[in-house]
C-alpha cells in the first residue's frame, strides 16, 4: 500500500490516480472540508481515507501494510500569515512521519518547494548538504517551513537516522487538473481559462522591477503529469536519496504562458496588465528556474512537457469539459 498525505489535493490526487491506474493499493490522508475537493478523488478506488488528526492511530493499526509514504500534505499558501499553524502542519507533521518511517523501515518521499530559494541570491542549485541548505533565504513563512524541514532532514540523514529511502522534491510552478479547490493559489492557466475562452482580455501583473517587462516575470512552469512521472519513477528507484528540484529547467514568462492558453482555446492573444498588490511586491519572485542536473544524474531521463503542449492538454482534456477532474 502507498500512503499519500494531501492525497485529495492537487498534486496528491494526480499521484493517487496514477497509482490506482497501475493497480496499487492507495490510502490518502487529507482534510476534505465542505467544498468540492472530494471530487479530486471521486473516481478512485481507495483503500482508506484518513483525517490528519487520526493519522498516528491509523499508522499504529495499519502501518505494517504501508510500503511507502508520499507526504504532500501541507499548508501551501504563500500568503498564509499564521506561522504557528504553518509550523504545526508543514514541519512537525513531517518530522513525525520521518521518525515513523525510520523506525518502521518505510520509504518516504516528501514535498519541499522552490519557495525555499527565496530571492534566489544563492541560485537554484539543489545542494542538499547541511551547509548548502543553510545558505537559502525564503521570503515567506511557507517557504521557511519547507526550508526548516529540509535542513532538519539533511541533518538527520547525515547522522544516520533516516528512512531506507528518503527524497525531498522542490516543486516549482505546477499547473494541471484538480487544482480547482485552491482558489487564488490556482495556476494562471486555471484562473484565466474562462477569460481566454471568451476572447479575453487576460490580465497579468505589471512589472515593478527595472529591466523586466510587464508580463515578463519568469517562472519554471511544470505540468502536474511530469511531477507524477518523477514520483512514480522514484518509487521504482529505492536507492535514490536526497533533495531534488522538480521543474523543467526552462523558465518561461507569464506572457508566454497566457499566449499558450489563448492558443489552446483557439483565440488571438489579448493581454492587459494591472498593478501588483502592494502586499505582494516586497516578496515577489521575478525569476525561478530549476537546476535539473542532479535528478538527471540520479537516472531520470524522461523529457519534460513544454507549456505549449501541457496547457493544450490541460485545456482540451480537462478545463473545457464538464467533468474537469482527473
C-alpha atoms as a PDB file:
ATOM      1  CA  UNK A   1       0.000   0.000   0.000  1.00  0.00           C
ATOM      2  CA  UNK A   2       1.099   3.560  -0.742  1.00  0.00           C
ATOM      3  CA  UNK A   3       0.003   6.246   1.725  1.00  0.00           C
ATOM      4  CA  UNK A   4      -0.379   9.681   0.141  1.00  0.00           C
ATOM      5  CA  UNK A   5      -0.823  12.585   2.548  1.00  0.00           C
ATOM      6  CA  UNK A   6      -2.554  15.504   0.891  1.00  0.00           C
ATOM      7  CA  UNK A   7      -3.954  12.786  -1.345  1.00  0.00           C
ATOM      8  CA  UNK A   8      -7.125  14.704  -2.190  1.00  0.00           C
ATOM      9  CA  UNK A   9      -5.129  17.828  -3.018  1.00  0.00           C
ATOM     10  CA  UNK A  10      -3.803  18.959  -6.359  1.00  0.00           C
ATOM     11  CA  UNK A  11      -0.585  17.007  -6.835  1.00  0.00           C
ATOM     12  CA  UNK A  12      -1.594  14.263  -4.414  1.00  0.00           C
ATOM     13  CA  UNK A  13      -4.813  13.368  -6.232  1.00  0.00           C
ATOM     14  CA  UNK A  14      -2.992  13.173  -9.565  1.00  0.00           C
ATOM     15  CA  UNK A  15      -0.441  10.817  -7.994  1.00  0.00           C
ATOM     16  CA  UNK A  16      -3.172   8.741  -6.336  1.00  0.00           C
ATOM     17  CA  UNK A  17      -4.973   8.410  -9.686  1.00  0.00           C
ATOM     18  CA  UNK A  18      -1.841   7.206 -11.472  1.00  0.00           C
ATOM     19  CA  UNK A  19      -1.034   4.744  -8.683  1.00  0.00           C
ATOM     20  CA  UNK A  20      -4.584   3.387  -8.777  1.00  0.00           C
ATOM     21  CA  UNK A  21      -4.394   3.042 -12.565  1.00  0.00           C
ATOM     22  CA  UNK A  22      -1.304   0.898 -12.047  1.00  0.00           C
ATOM     23  CA  UNK A  23      -3.192  -1.366  -9.652  1.00  0.00           C
ATOM     24  CA  UNK A  24      -1.557  -0.114  -6.462  1.00  0.00           C
ATOM     25  CA  UNK A  25      -3.465  -0.037  -3.192  1.00  0.00           C
ATOM     26  CA  UNK A  26      -3.725   3.625  -2.198  1.00  0.00           C
ATOM     27  CA  UNK A  27      -4.772   5.264   1.048  1.00  0.00           C
ATOM     28  CA  UNK A  28      -4.968   9.005   1.404  1.00  0.00           C
ATOM     29  CA  UNK A  29      -4.731  11.309   4.378  1.00  0.00           C
ATOM     30  CA  UNK A  30      -6.373  14.692   3.888  1.00  0.00           C
ATOM     31  CA  UNK A  31      -8.910  17.203   5.148  1.00  0.00           C
ATOM     32  CA  UNK A  32     -11.808  17.486   2.687  1.00  0.00           C
ATOM     33  CA  UNK A  33     -13.886  20.212   4.398  1.00  0.00           C
ATOM     34  CA  UNK A  34     -17.132  21.409   2.799  1.00  0.00           C
ATOM     35  CA  UNK A  35     -16.204  22.304  -0.789  1.00  0.00           C
ATOM     36  CA  UNK A  36     -15.730  20.056  -3.834  1.00  0.00           C
ATOM     37  CA  UNK A  37     -12.195  18.920  -3.035  1.00  0.00           C
ATOM     38  CA  UNK A  38     -13.538  15.367  -2.650  1.00  0.00           C
ATOM     39  CA  UNK A  39     -14.174  15.324  -6.401  1.00  0.00           C
ATOM     40  CA  UNK A  40     -10.407  15.161  -6.956  1.00  0.00           C
ATOM     41  CA  UNK A  41     -10.536  11.534  -5.788  1.00  0.00           C
ATOM     42  CA  UNK A  42     -14.188  10.841  -6.545  1.00  0.00           C
ATOM     43  CA  UNK A  43     -13.372   8.371  -9.311  1.00  0.00           C
ATOM     44  CA  UNK A  44     -10.709   6.406  -7.445  1.00  0.00           C
ATOM     45  CA  UNK A  45     -10.785   3.053  -5.700  1.00  0.00           C
ATOM     46  CA  UNK A  46      -9.141   3.943  -2.380  1.00  0.00           C
ATOM     47  CA  UNK A  47      -8.143   1.601   0.419  1.00  0.00           C
ATOM     48  CA  UNK A  48      -8.793   4.214   3.091  1.00  0.00           C
ATOM     49  CA  UNK A  49      -9.339   7.938   3.713  1.00  0.00           C
ATOM     50  CA  UNK A  50      -7.774   9.215   6.938  1.00  0.00           C
ATOM     51  CA  UNK A  51      -8.296  12.519   8.710  1.00  0.00           C
ATOM     52  CA  UNK A  52      -4.953  14.142   9.663  1.00  0.00           C
ATOM     53  CA  UNK A  53      -5.717  14.018  13.385  1.00  0.00           C
ATOM     54  CA  UNK A  54      -6.255  10.242  13.110  1.00  0.00           C
ATOM     55  CA  UNK A  55      -3.072   9.530  11.151  1.00  0.00           C
ATOM     56  CA  UNK A  56      -0.914   8.356  14.054  1.00  0.00           C
ATOM     57  CA  UNK A  57      -3.588   5.938  15.272  1.00  0.00           C
ATOM     58  CA  UNK A  58      -4.114   4.707  11.719  1.00  0.00           C
ATOM     59  CA  UNK A  59      -0.407   4.074  11.251  1.00  0.00           C
ATOM     60  CA  UNK A  60      -0.292   2.136  14.524  1.00  0.00           C
ATOM     61  CA  UNK A  61      -3.067  -0.154  13.267  1.00  0.00           C
ATOM     62  CA  UNK A  62      -2.299  -0.319   9.535  1.00  0.00           C
ATOM     63  CA  UNK A  63       1.326   0.691   9.144  1.00  0.00           C
ATOM     64  CA  UNK A  64       2.534  -2.861   8.540  1.00  0.00           C
ATOM     65  CA  UNK A  65       0.804  -2.777   5.141  1.00  0.00           C
ATOM     66  CA  UNK A  66       2.425   0.503   4.056  1.00  0.00           C
ATOM     67  CA  UNK A  67       5.283   0.201   1.562  1.00  0.00           C
ATOM     68  CA  UNK A  68       5.974   3.918   1.188  1.00  0.00           C
ATOM     69  CA  UNK A  69       4.662   7.278   2.337  1.00  0.00           C
ATOM     70  CA  UNK A  70       4.406  10.142  -0.158  1.00  0.00           C
ATOM     71  CA  UNK A  71       3.977  13.177   2.056  1.00  0.00           C
ATOM     72  CA  UNK A  72       2.400  16.002   0.051  1.00  0.00           C
ATOM     73  CA  UNK A  73       0.046  17.378   2.683  1.00  0.00           C
ATOM     74  CA  UNK A  74       0.844  20.966   3.679  1.00  0.00           C
ATOM     75  CA  UNK A  75      -0.390  24.485   4.007  1.00  0.00           C
ATOM     76  CA  UNK A  76       0.833  25.628   0.614  1.00  0.00           C
ATOM     77  CA  UNK A  77      -0.391  29.214   0.542  1.00  0.00           C
ATOM     78  CA  UNK A  78       2.495  31.646   0.195  1.00  0.00           C
ATOM     79  CA  UNK A  79       0.308  34.371   1.714  1.00  0.00           C
ATOM     80  CA  UNK A  80      -0.688  32.488   4.904  1.00  0.00           C
ATOM     81  CA  UNK A  81       0.443  34.551   7.908  1.00  0.00           C
ATOM     82  CA  UNK A  82      -0.298  32.146  10.798  1.00  0.00           C
ATOM     83  CA  UNK A  83       3.241  30.859  11.229  1.00  0.00           C
ATOM     84  CA  UNK A  84       2.320  28.637  14.202  1.00  0.00           C
ATOM     85  CA  UNK A  85      -0.262  26.831  12.078  1.00  0.00           C
ATOM     86  CA  UNK A  86       2.234  26.509   9.228  1.00  0.00           C
ATOM     87  CA  UNK A  87       4.892  25.003  11.512  1.00  0.00           C
ATOM     88  CA  UNK A  88       2.448  22.528  13.058  1.00  0.00           C
ATOM     89  CA  UNK A  89       1.335  21.358   9.620  1.00  0.00           C
ATOM     90  CA  UNK A  90       4.439  21.665   7.462  1.00  0.00           C
ATOM     91  CA  UNK A  91       7.241  20.967   9.933  1.00  0.00           C
ATOM     92  CA  UNK A  92       6.101  18.949  12.950  1.00  0.00           C
ATOM     93  CA  UNK A  93       3.902  16.524  10.996  1.00  0.00           C
ATOM     94  CA  UNK A  94       6.781  15.969   8.558  1.00  0.00           C
ATOM     95  CA  UNK A  95       9.083  15.180  11.498  1.00  0.00           C
ATOM     96  CA  UNK A  96       6.575  12.667  12.854  1.00  0.00           C
ATOM     97  CA  UNK A  97       6.331  10.877   9.518  1.00  0.00           C
ATOM     98  CA  UNK A  98      10.124  10.852   9.075  1.00  0.00           C
ATOM     99  CA  UNK A  99      10.560   9.288  12.517  1.00  0.00           C
ATOM    100  CA  UNK A 100       7.808   6.749  11.901  1.00  0.00           C
ATOM    101  CA  UNK A 101       9.258   5.734   8.512  1.00  0.00           C
ATOM    102  CA  UNK A 102      12.731   5.474  10.048  1.00  0.00           C
ATOM    103  CA  UNK A 103      11.546   3.320  12.940  1.00  0.00           C
ATOM    104  CA  UNK A 104       9.442   1.005  10.763  1.00  0.00           C
ATOM    105  CA  UNK A 105      11.698   0.792   7.698  1.00  0.00           C
ATOM    106  CA  UNK A 106       9.295   2.524   5.304  1.00  0.00           C
ATOM    107  CA  UNK A 107      10.291   4.717   2.377  1.00  0.00           C
ATOM    108  CA  UNK A 108       9.469   8.436   2.406  1.00  0.00           C
ATOM    109  CA  UNK A 109       9.070  10.905  -0.448  1.00  0.00           C
ATOM    110  CA  UNK A 110       8.049  14.378   0.658  1.00  0.00           C
ATOM    111  CA  UNK A 111       7.219  17.751  -0.859  1.00  0.00           C
ATOM    112  CA  UNK A 112       9.629  20.599  -0.399  1.00  0.00           C
ATOM    113  CA  UNK A 113       9.251  23.738  -2.518  1.00  0.00           C
ATOM    114  CA  UNK A 114      11.026  26.161  -4.806  1.00  0.00           C
ATOM    115  CA  UNK A 115       9.860  28.799  -2.304  1.00  0.00           C
ATOM    116  CA  UNK A 116      12.880  27.755  -0.216  1.00  0.00           C
ATOM    117  CA  UNK A 117      15.076  29.635  -2.696  1.00  0.00           C
ATOM    118  CA  UNK A 118      13.554  32.993  -1.770  1.00  0.00           C
ATOM    119  CA  UNK A 119      15.024  35.779  -3.852  1.00  0.00           C
ATOM    120  CA  UNK A 120      17.458  33.311  -5.447  1.00  0.00           C
ATOM    121  CA  UNK A 121      20.528  35.056  -4.050  1.00  0.00           C
ATOM    122  CA  UNK A 122      22.179  31.622  -3.936  1.00  0.00           C
ATOM    123  CA  UNK A 123      20.698  30.451  -7.245  1.00  0.00           C
ATOM    124  CA  UNK A 124      18.532  27.368  -7.821  1.00  0.00           C
ATOM    125  CA  UNK A 125      21.039  24.535  -7.390  1.00  0.00           C
ATOM    126  CA  UNK A 126      19.508  21.732  -5.290  1.00  0.00           C
ATOM    127  CA  UNK A 127      22.505  21.300  -2.987  1.00  0.00           C
ATOM    128  CA  UNK A 128      21.127  19.079  -0.218  1.00  0.00           C
ATOM    129  CA  UNK A 129      24.149  19.268   2.040  1.00  0.00           C
ATOM    130  CA  UNK A 130      23.640  20.717   5.511  1.00  0.00           C
ATOM    131  CA  UNK A 131      25.938  23.623   4.603  1.00  0.00           C
ATOM    132  CA  UNK A 132      24.352  24.201   1.199  1.00  0.00           C
ATOM    133  CA  UNK A 133      20.804  24.350   2.554  1.00  0.00           C
ATOM    134  CA  UNK A 134      21.869  26.865   5.196  1.00  0.00           C
ATOM    135  CA  UNK A 135      22.585  29.490   2.524  1.00  0.00           C
ATOM    136  CA  UNK A 136      18.952  29.788   1.351  1.00  0.00           C
ATOM    137  CA  UNK A 137      16.727  32.656   2.500  1.00  0.00           C
ATOM    138  CA  UNK A 138      12.980  32.081   1.905  1.00  0.00           C
ATOM    139  CA  UNK A 139      10.742  35.131   1.551  1.00  0.00           C
ATOM    140  CA  UNK A 140       7.598  33.871   3.311  1.00  0.00           C
ATOM    141  CA  UNK A 141       6.529  31.620   6.168  1.00  0.00           C
ATOM    142  CA  UNK A 142       5.534  28.800   3.821  1.00  0.00           C
ATOM    143  CA  UNK A 143       8.974  28.708   2.181  1.00  0.00           C
ATOM    144  CA  UNK A 144      10.655  28.993   5.569  1.00  0.00           C
ATOM    145  CA  UNK A 145       8.706  25.983   6.922  1.00  0.00           C
ATOM    146  CA  UNK A 146       9.815  23.872   3.951  1.00  0.00           C
ATOM    147  CA  UNK A 147      13.398  25.059   4.360  1.00  0.00           C
ATOM    148  CA  UNK A 148      13.254  24.257   8.073  1.00  0.00           C
ATOM    149  CA  UNK A 149      12.291  20.648   7.374  1.00  0.00           C
ATOM    150  CA  UNK A 150      14.797  20.244   4.530  1.00  0.00           C
ATOM    151  CA  UNK A 151      17.587  21.300   6.903  1.00  0.00           C
ATOM    152  CA  UNK A 152      16.292  19.031   9.664  1.00  0.00           C
ATOM    153  CA  UNK A 153      16.060  16.109   7.234  1.00  0.00           C
ATOM    154  CA  UNK A 154      19.590  16.702   5.936  1.00  0.00           C
ATOM    155  CA  UNK A 155      20.990  16.783   9.474  1.00  0.00           C
ATOM    156  CA  UNK A 156      19.087  13.623  10.399  1.00  0.00           C
ATOM    157  CA  UNK A 157      20.288  11.829   7.273  1.00  0.00           C
ATOM    158  CA  UNK A 158      23.872  12.906   7.924  1.00  0.00           C
ATOM    159  CA  UNK A 159      23.638  11.452  11.435  1.00  0.00           C
ATOM    160  CA  UNK A 160      22.415   8.119  10.034  1.00  0.00           C
ATOM    161  CA  UNK A 161      18.837   8.452  11.305  1.00  0.00           C
ATOM    162  CA  UNK A 162      16.698   8.257   8.182  1.00  0.00           C
ATOM    163  CA  UNK A 163      14.185   6.065   6.313  1.00  0.00           C
ATOM    164  CA  UNK A 164      15.559   3.396   3.947  1.00  0.00           C
ATOM    165  CA  UNK A 165      14.730   5.792   1.111  1.00  0.00           C
ATOM    166  CA  UNK A 166      14.184   9.496   1.653  1.00  0.00           C
ATOM    167  CA  UNK A 167      13.580  12.053  -1.083  1.00  0.00           C
ATOM    168  CA  UNK A 168      12.519  15.692  -0.878  1.00  0.00           C
ATOM    169  CA  UNK A 169      11.159  17.327  -4.039  1.00  0.00           C
ATOM    170  CA  UNK A 170      11.369  21.086  -4.557  1.00  0.00           C
ATOM    171  CA  UNK A 171       8.295  21.611  -6.698  1.00  0.00           C
ATOM    172  CA  UNK A 172       8.410  24.688  -8.917  1.00  0.00           C
ATOM    173  CA  UNK A 173       5.261  26.222 -10.501  1.00  0.00           C
ATOM    174  CA  UNK A 174       2.920  23.287 -11.031  1.00  0.00           C
ATOM    175  CA  UNK A 175      -0.255  23.514 -13.132  1.00  0.00           C
ATOM    176  CA  UNK A 176      -2.817  20.964 -14.258  1.00  0.00           C
ATOM    177  CA  UNK A 177      -6.103  19.203 -13.434  1.00  0.00           C
ATOM    178  CA  UNK A 178      -7.544  19.013  -9.905  1.00  0.00           C
ATOM    179  CA  UNK A 179      -6.206  22.371  -8.719  1.00  0.00           C
ATOM    180  CA  UNK A 180      -9.672  23.945  -8.723  1.00  0.00           C
ATOM    181  CA  UNK A 181     -10.108  23.952  -4.931  1.00  0.00           C
ATOM    182  CA  UNK A 182      -7.041  26.151  -4.463  1.00  0.00           C
ATOM    183  CA  UNK A 183      -8.837  29.437  -5.085  1.00  0.00           C
ATOM    184  CA  UNK A 184      -6.374  32.285  -5.557  1.00  0.00           C
ATOM    185  CA  UNK A 185      -3.474  29.817  -5.434  1.00  0.00           C
ATOM    186  CA  UNK A 186      -4.577  28.122  -8.673  1.00  0.00           C
ATOM    187  CA  UNK A 187      -2.273  28.453 -11.649  1.00  0.00           C
ATOM    188  CA  UNK A 188      -2.732  31.314 -14.095  1.00  0.00           C
ATOM    189  CA  UNK A 189      -3.989  28.743 -16.612  1.00  0.00           C
ATOM    190  CA  UNK A 190      -6.875  27.690 -14.375  1.00  0.00           C
ATOM    191  CA  UNK A 191      -7.683  31.206 -13.191  1.00  0.00           C
ATOM    192  CA  UNK A 192      -7.696  32.759 -16.663  1.00  0.00           C
ATOM    193  CA  UNK A 193      -9.151  29.912 -18.736  1.00  0.00           C
ATOM    194  CA  UNK A 194     -12.717  31.283 -18.866  1.00  0.00           C
ATOM    195  CA  UNK A 195     -11.493  34.742 -19.841  1.00  0.00           C
ATOM    196  CA  UNK A 196      -9.280  33.368 -22.607  1.00  0.00           C
ATOM    197  CA  UNK A 197     -12.027  31.073 -23.898  1.00  0.00           C
ATOM    198  CA  UNK A 198     -14.331  34.103 -24.146  1.00  0.00           C
ATOM    199  CA  UNK A 199     -11.729  36.062 -26.112  1.00  0.00           C
ATOM    200  CA  UNK A 200     -10.015  37.944 -23.291  1.00  0.00           C
ATOM    201  CA  UNK A 201      -8.571  40.161 -22.178  1.00  0.00           C
ATOM    202  CA  UNK A 202      -6.445  38.148 -19.751  1.00  0.00           C
ATOM    203  CA  UNK A 203      -4.889  40.287 -17.014  1.00  0.00           C
ATOM    204  CA  UNK A 204      -1.341  39.819 -15.763  1.00  0.00           C
ATOM    205  CA  UNK A 205       0.725  41.744 -13.230  1.00  0.00           C
ATOM    206  CA  UNK A 206       2.765  44.719 -14.306  1.00  0.00           C
ATOM    207  CA  UNK A 207       6.457  44.552 -13.561  1.00  0.00           C
ATOM    208  CA  UNK A 208       7.798  46.707 -10.753  1.00  0.00           C
ATOM    209  CA  UNK A 209      11.444  45.952 -11.470  1.00  0.00           C
ATOM    210  CA  UNK A 210      13.692  47.771 -13.917  1.00  0.00           C
ATOM    211  CA  UNK A 211      14.679  45.648 -16.908  1.00  0.00           C
ATOM    212  CA  UNK A 212      11.673  43.312 -16.619  1.00  0.00           C
ATOM    213  CA  UNK A 213       8.748  43.978 -18.947  1.00  0.00           C
ATOM    214  CA  UNK A 214       5.112  43.695 -17.894  1.00  0.00           C
ATOM    215  CA  UNK A 215       4.253  40.017 -18.047  1.00  0.00           C
ATOM    216  CA  UNK A 216       7.953  39.243 -18.446  1.00  0.00           C
ATOM    217  CA  UNK A 217       8.357  37.783 -14.973  1.00  0.00           C
ATOM    218  CA  UNK A 218       9.791  34.302 -15.402  1.00  0.00           C
ATOM    219  CA  UNK A 219       8.787  31.032 -13.774  1.00  0.00           C
ATOM    220  CA  UNK A 220       9.639  27.381 -14.261  1.00  0.00           C
ATOM    221  CA  UNK A 221       6.147  26.088 -15.079  1.00  0.00           C
ATOM    222  CA  UNK A 222       5.817  22.298 -14.825  1.00  0.00           C
ATOM    223  CA  UNK A 223       2.820  20.199 -15.805  1.00  0.00           C
ATOM    224  CA  UNK A 224       1.491  18.055 -12.957  1.00  0.00           C
ATOM    225  CA  UNK A 225       1.751  14.942 -15.135  1.00  0.00           C
ATOM    226  CA  UNK A 226       5.527  15.363 -15.189  1.00  0.00           C
ATOM    227  CA  UNK A 227       5.605  15.635 -11.392  1.00  0.00           C
ATOM    228  CA  UNK A 228       3.673  12.384 -11.146  1.00  0.00           C
ATOM    229  CA  UNK A 229       6.061  10.656 -13.557  1.00  0.00           C
ATOM    230  CA  UNK A 230       9.025  11.646 -11.397  1.00  0.00           C
ATOM    231  CA  UNK A 231       7.373  10.377  -8.211  1.00  0.00           C
ATOM    232  CA  UNK A 232       6.412   7.079  -9.842  1.00  0.00           C
ATOM    233  CA  UNK A 233       9.999   6.720 -11.033  1.00  0.00           C
ATOM    234  CA  UNK A 234      11.301   7.375  -7.529  1.00  0.00           C
ATOM    235  CA  UNK A 235       9.013   4.693  -6.125  1.00  0.00           C
ATOM    236  CA  UNK A 236      10.719   2.290  -8.536  1.00  0.00           C
ATOM    237  CA  UNK A 237      14.211   3.511  -7.541  1.00  0.00           C
ATOM    238  CA  UNK A 238      14.594   2.742  -3.817  1.00  0.00           C
ATOM    239  CA  UNK A 239      18.310   3.589  -3.831  1.00  0.00           C
ATOM    240  CA  UNK A 240      17.808   7.218  -4.872  1.00  0.00           C
ATOM    241  CA  UNK A 241      18.021   9.552  -1.876  1.00  0.00           C
ATOM    242  CA  UNK A 242      18.315  13.297  -1.317  1.00  0.00           C
ATOM    243  CA  UNK A 243      16.609  16.578  -2.110  1.00  0.00           C
ATOM    244  CA  UNK A 244      15.949  17.335  -5.770  1.00  0.00           C
ATOM    245  CA  UNK A 245      14.469  20.160  -7.803  1.00  0.00           C
ATOM    246  CA  UNK A 246      11.320  19.338  -9.732  1.00  0.00           C
ATOM    247  CA  UNK A 247      10.839  21.795 -12.566  1.00  0.00           C
ATOM    248  CA  UNK A 248      11.519  21.660 -16.289  1.00  0.00           C
ATOM    249  CA  UNK A 249      14.841  23.503 -16.161  1.00  0.00           C
ATOM    250  CA  UNK A 250      13.476  26.164 -18.526  1.00  0.00           C
ATOM    251  CA  UNK A 251      11.987  29.450 -17.276  1.00  0.00           C
ATOM    252  CA  UNK A 252       9.123  30.936 -19.296  1.00  0.00           C
ATOM    253  CA  UNK A 253       7.297  34.242 -18.902  1.00  0.00           C
ATOM    254  CA  UNK A 254       3.727  34.730 -17.726  1.00  0.00           C
ATOM    255  CA  UNK A 255       3.021  36.382 -21.076  1.00  0.00           C
ATOM    256  CA  UNK A 256       4.201  33.225 -22.858  1.00  0.00           C
ATOM    257  CA  UNK A 257       2.018  31.109 -20.590  1.00  0.00           C
ATOM    258  CA  UNK A 258      -1.025  33.269 -21.339  1.00  0.00           C
ATOM    259  CA  UNK A 259      -0.257  33.111 -25.060  1.00  0.00           C
ATOM    260  CA  UNK A 260      -0.143  29.300 -24.838  1.00  0.00           C
ATOM    261  CA  UNK A 261      -3.539  29.420 -23.111  1.00  0.00           C
ATOM    262  CA  UNK A 262      -5.038  31.515 -25.922  1.00  0.00           C
ATOM    263  CA  UNK A 263      -3.595  29.090 -28.482  1.00  0.00           C
ATOM    264  CA  UNK A 264      -5.153  26.159 -26.643  1.00  0.00           C
ATOM    265  CA  UNK A 265      -8.615  27.766 -26.789  1.00  0.00           C
ATOM    266  CA  UNK A 266      -8.146  28.892 -30.408  1.00  0.00           C
ATOM    267  CA  UNK A 267      -8.206  32.622 -29.694  1.00  0.00           C
ATOM    268  CA  UNK A 268      -5.970  35.554 -30.576  1.00  0.00           C
ATOM    269  CA  UNK A 269      -3.975  36.680 -27.507  1.00  0.00           C
ATOM    270  CA  UNK A 270      -5.401  39.742 -25.734  1.00  0.00           C
ATOM    271  CA  UNK A 271      -3.335  40.708 -22.687  1.00  0.00           C
ATOM    272  CA  UNK A 272      -3.810  43.543 -20.203  1.00  0.00           C
ATOM    273  CA  UNK A 273      -1.603  44.468 -17.270  1.00  0.00           C
ATOM    274  CA  UNK A 274      -2.632  45.510 -13.774  1.00  0.00           C
ATOM    275  CA  UNK A 275      -0.658  46.731 -10.771  1.00  0.00           C
ATOM    276  CA  UNK A 276       0.691  44.061  -8.475  1.00  0.00           C
ATOM    277  CA  UNK A 277      -0.874  44.311  -4.985  1.00  0.00           C
ATOM    278  CA  UNK A 278       1.362  46.268  -2.622  1.00  0.00           C
ATOM    279  CA  UNK A 279       1.470  43.449  -0.049  1.00  0.00           C
ATOM    280  CA  UNK A 280       2.928  41.044  -2.637  1.00  0.00           C
ATOM    281  CA  UNK A 281       5.567  43.316  -4.155  1.00  0.00           C
ATOM    282  CA  UNK A 282       8.282  43.037  -1.449  1.00  0.00           C
ATOM    283  CA  UNK A 283       8.444  39.213  -1.590  1.00  0.00           C
ATOM    284  CA  UNK A 284       7.662  38.633  -5.266  1.00  0.00           C
ATOM    285  CA  UNK A 285       9.957  36.278  -7.169  1.00  0.00           C
ATOM    286  CA  UNK A 286      10.779  37.647 -10.631  1.00  0.00           C
ATOM    287  CA  UNK A 287      12.687  34.568 -11.770  1.00  0.00           C
ATOM    288  CA  UNK A 288      12.681  30.868 -10.959  1.00  0.00           C
ATOM    289  CA  UNK A 289      14.384  28.139 -12.954  1.00  0.00           C
ATOM    290  CA  UNK A 290      15.171  24.703 -11.621  1.00  0.00           C
ATOM    291  CA  UNK A 291      18.646  23.275 -11.979  1.00  0.00           C
ATOM    292  CA  UNK A 292      17.866  19.703 -13.008  1.00  0.00           C
ATOM    293  CA  UNK A 293      21.347  18.181 -13.264  1.00  0.00           C
ATOM    294  CA  UNK A 294      21.118  16.231 -10.002  1.00  0.00           C
ATOM    295  CA  UNK A 295      17.857  14.474 -10.868  1.00  0.00           C
ATOM    296  CA  UNK A 296      19.250  13.651 -14.313  1.00  0.00           C
ATOM    297  CA  UNK A 297      22.455  12.337 -12.742  1.00  0.00           C
ATOM    298  CA  UNK A 298      20.331  10.130 -10.474  1.00  0.00           C
ATOM    299  CA  UNK A 299      18.973   8.472 -13.618  1.00  0.00           C
ATOM    300  CA  UNK A 300      15.735  10.248 -14.523  1.00  0.00           C
ATOM    301  CA  UNK A 301      15.797  10.637 -18.299  1.00  0.00           C
ATOM    302  CA  UNK A 302      12.246  11.415 -19.469  1.00  0.00           C
ATOM    303  CA  UNK A 303      11.703  14.789 -21.199  1.00  0.00           C
ATOM    304  CA  UNK A 304       9.595  17.490 -19.564  1.00  0.00           C
ATOM    305  CA  UNK A 305       6.454  18.889 -21.172  1.00  0.00           C
ATOM    306  CA  UNK A 306       6.611  22.363 -22.723  1.00  0.00           C
ATOM    307  CA  UNK A 307       3.971  24.882 -21.660  1.00  0.00           C
ATOM    308  CA  UNK A 308       2.547  24.824 -25.201  1.00  0.00           C
ATOM    309  CA  UNK A 309       1.892  21.083 -25.004  1.00  0.00           C
ATOM    310  CA  UNK A 310       0.979  20.989 -21.311  1.00  0.00           C
ATOM    311  CA  UNK A 311      -1.503  23.855 -21.468  1.00  0.00           C
ATOM    312  CA  UNK A 312      -3.139  22.399 -24.577  1.00  0.00           C
ATOM    313  CA  UNK A 313      -3.623  19.035 -22.855  1.00  0.00           C
ATOM    314  CA  UNK A 314      -4.923  20.708 -19.706  1.00  0.00           C
ATOM    315  CA  UNK A 315      -7.444  22.757 -21.651  1.00  0.00           C
ATOM    316  CA  UNK A 316      -8.622  20.093 -24.083  1.00  0.00           C
ATOM    317  CA  UNK A 317      -8.764  17.126 -21.697  1.00  0.00           C
ATOM    318  CA  UNK A 318      -9.927  18.895 -18.555  1.00  0.00           C
ATOM    319  CA  UNK A 319     -10.762  22.619 -18.401  1.00  0.00           C
ATOM    320  CA  UNK A 320     -13.012  22.615 -21.467  1.00  0.00           C
ATOM    321  CA  UNK A 321     -15.020  19.581 -20.331  1.00  0.00           C
ATOM    322  CA  UNK A 322     -17.984  19.427 -17.914  1.00  0.00           C
ATOM    323  CA  UNK A 323     -16.096  16.900 -15.796  1.00  0.00           C
ATOM    324  CA  UNK A 324     -12.765  18.618 -15.291  1.00  0.00           C
ATOM    325  CA  UNK A 325     -11.392  16.103 -12.803  1.00  0.00           C
ATOM    326  CA  UNK A 326      -8.635  13.580 -13.313  1.00  0.00           C
END
